[in-house]
Amino acid sequence: MRVLYLANAGQIGGGNRVLLQLFQSIRPLGVTPVVVCPTDGPMVRESTKLGLECEVVDYRQPAWQKPLRSWAGFRAWRRVVERLRVDLSHANGLPGARSIVLAAKVGGVPLVCHVHFPPGTEGASWTFRHLPKPDAFLFCSDALREEAGPDLRRCYPGTAQHVVRNGIVVEDFVFPQVASPEPVATRYVVGIVANLIPIKGHLDFLEMAGVLTRMGVDAEYWIIGGAIHGGDYEQRLRTRVDELRLAARVKFFGHRSDVPALLQQIDVVVCSSHVEPFGMCVLEAMASGKAVVATRVGGIPEVIEEGVTGLLVAPRAPAELADGVRCLLSDAATRQRMGQAGRVRAGRDFSQKVHAEKTFAIYSRLLTSS
């Protein structure tokens, strides 16, 4: 089975990390992944490292007001589908699915549209208006399907909907490769792993750090993740660090390829997101054997078993984050117990093997019925 995967960006965010792990686990089931990206960048390089066919394709969006441009986009995708000889296409987001849907339909190639973020009522209605429809929507959590599923079902009642929770290769986090040399921390380390975008709540993380510092907690605060979308958000964070007088305690790591090894050096992992359809960072922390304090949003409560593998707090509540972190830093036994329980839960309920098998079953049903 040759499957064409449309990455949602040239950079590597949560959705593309899921794809990279899926590639490794679904190949033993008889799937040959073929990858396209909208731009060159880390996703192309990482896919190539895995030995996969990978190329850059313009995800040109069809627009009936621009028929010549739309026709050129359709022809380009038709050539891709025919040249790569794919049996099925899997778009890692709505824009990619919208770009290829007409060529996939004409070519008789079933299309799976992976939904990682709620499109909203207008977005759901617009995406495939006057176009063929995907054969299946795939959601990464029950919470996301509950939020986005009704709009998509109302607009596209003939498209099947499935929930397949993201998976993880736990061994990558239990036995990580050695990190690049870092100064040995002489304090507790509290970390956040998230690309630098406002919905990840980094400002709340910094406010939490300020609260804990004023309470006398001696800790460093690691911000791991890059500004993959550009903008001035990182500068806003650095300015706030200076305003809170935390420059000696906060460290910006940028995008890193050795996240599993860095996680081993962190005492408590924080997820301060305002919106989080699943929460790969939470799952990665659990696989690393780390206790987590996370916001009670989206799919996070499906990943964290509250009081067992971590603590859940309200979003946009730095004081609650601080209380949770302080509680865990002051109780090594609880941190260890939660970390061990998290590792067990990650391997039992969120293994990449299970994720691949469920995804493969959907592919097989689509190809059998097509």
Foldseek 3Di string as FASTA:
>chain_A
DEEEEEDPAQDDFPLLVLVLLLCVQQVVVPYQYAYEYQDHHDSQVSCVVVVHHYYYDHLDADDPVDVVSLVVLLVVLLCVCVVVVGQAYEYSALSSCRSHVQSCVVVVHAYEYEHFDALDLVRLQPSQVVHDDHQEYEYQAPLNCVVRVVSNCVNPVNHYYYYQHGFDALVCQQDPDADDDDPQDPFAEEEEAHAQDPQQPVVLVLVLVLVLVVVVHDYAYEYEHANPVDDCSVVVSVVVCVVSVNVVRYDYDYYDPRVSNVLLSHAEYEGQGNEGQACVVLLSNLSNLFEYEYEPHHRPCVLDDDPQQYHYDHHPDSVVVNVRVVVSVVDVVSGNRNSVRSSVCSVPPRHSNSSSVVVVVVVVVVSVVD
